[in-house]
Amino acid sequence: MEITSTYSVRLHNFNRVFDDTFEVYRNVVDYFIKLMTTHWESYFANLSQSNDCIRSAVSLSVRTIKRPMTTYNFC
């Protein structure tokens, strides 16, 4: 699995306003990258559609009323 990061944005005069949001975003992305690399062979390697990968990652980590127990607790 190849991991590529290409996030680079500069806003003139407002470059510090979104620092907290960017930090949260980066933490979320890191969380899901670790989850996917941990379970690559068992859940993600054979999936061909990106939507299937998203559904699998969500099913492992996001608890709902219909899915009260998950392997990880992103919430």
Protein backbone atom coordinates (compact mmCIF):
# COMPACT_ATOMS: atom_id res chain seq x y z
CA MET A 1 0.00 0.00 0.00
CA GLU A 2 1.41 3.37 -0.99
CA ILE A 3 0.70 6.32 1.32
CA THR A 4 1.00 9.77 -0.22
CA SER A 5 0.51 13.12 1.46
CA THR A 6 0.14 16.19 -0.72
CA TYR A 7 -1.53 18.64 1.63
CA SER A 8 0.03 22.09 1.33
CA VAL A 9 -2.09 25.23 1.50
CA ARG A 10 -1.14 28.80 2.31
CA LEU A 11 -3.81 31.41 2.98
CA HIS A 12 -2.65 35.01 2.87
CA ASN A 13 -3.24 36.92 6.13
CA PHE A 14 -5.21 34.02 7.63
CA ASN A 15 -2.62 31.28 7.87
CA ARG A 16 -3.02 30.78 11.67
CA VAL A 17 -6.83 30.82 11.85
CA PHE A 18 -7.20 27.18 10.81
CA ASP A 19 -4.26 25.67 12.71
CA ASP A 20 -6.47 23.80 15.20
CA THR A 21 -8.68 22.46 12.43
CA PHE A 22 -5.65 21.28 10.44
CA GLU A 23 -4.27 19.55 13.53
CA VAL A 24 -7.54 17.67 14.10
CA TYR A 25 -7.73 16.73 10.41
CA ARG A 26 -4.17 15.40 10.40
CA ASN A 27 -4.85 13.36 13.55
CA VAL A 28 -7.95 11.81 11.96
CA VAL A 29 -6.06 10.94 8.80
CA ASP A 30 -3.24 9.39 10.87
CA TYR A 31 -5.78 7.37 12.85
CA PHE A 32 -7.33 5.87 9.73
CA ILE A 33 -3.97 5.23 8.05
CA LYS A 34 -2.86 3.24 11.11
CA LEU A 35 -6.17 1.37 11.19
CA MET A 36 -5.92 0.48 7.51
CA THR A 37 -2.28 -0.59 7.64
CA THR A 38 -2.99 -2.76 10.69
CA HIS A 39 -5.86 -4.55 8.94
CA TRP A 40 -4.69 -4.28 5.33
CA GLU A 41 -4.53 -8.00 4.58
CA SER A 42 -7.69 -8.99 6.45
CA TYR A 43 -10.05 -6.19 5.37
CA PHE A 44 -8.73 -3.91 2.66
CA ALA A 45 -6.33 -5.69 0.28
CA ASN A 46 -9.05 -7.34 -1.81
CA LEU A 47 -11.36 -4.34 -2.08
CA SER A 48 -11.36 -2.67 -5.48
CA GLN A 49 -13.68 0.29 -4.89
CA SER A 50 -12.75 3.22 -2.65
CA ASN A 51 -16.29 3.29 -1.23
CA ASP A 52 -15.82 -0.29 -0.04
CA CYS A 53 -12.61 0.73 1.75
CA ILE A 54 -14.41 3.61 3.43
CA ARG A 55 -17.28 1.35 4.52
CA SER A 56 -14.84 -1.18 5.97
CA ALA A 57 -12.89 1.48 7.87
CA VAL A 58 -16.10 2.95 9.25
CA SER A 59 -17.41 -0.47 10.27
CA LEU A 60 -14.20 -1.07 12.24
CA SER A 61 -14.22 2.24 14.08
CA VAL A 62 -17.49 4.19 14.15
CA ARG A 63 -20.10 3.07 16.65
CA THR A 64 -23.76 3.58 15.85
CA ILE A 65 -27.08 2.47 17.29
CA LYS A 66 -27.11 -0.49 14.89
CA ARG A 67 -23.41 -1.17 15.52
CA PRO A 68 -22.80 -0.42 19.23
CA MET A 69 -19.54 -2.41 19.46
CA THR A 70 -16.61 -1.94 17.08
CA THR A 71 -13.00 -3.09 17.14
CA TYR A 72 -11.86 0.53 17.54
CA ASN A 73 -13.72 3.50 18.97
CA PHE A 74 -13.17 6.54 16.80
CA CYS A 75 -16.07 8.37 18.41
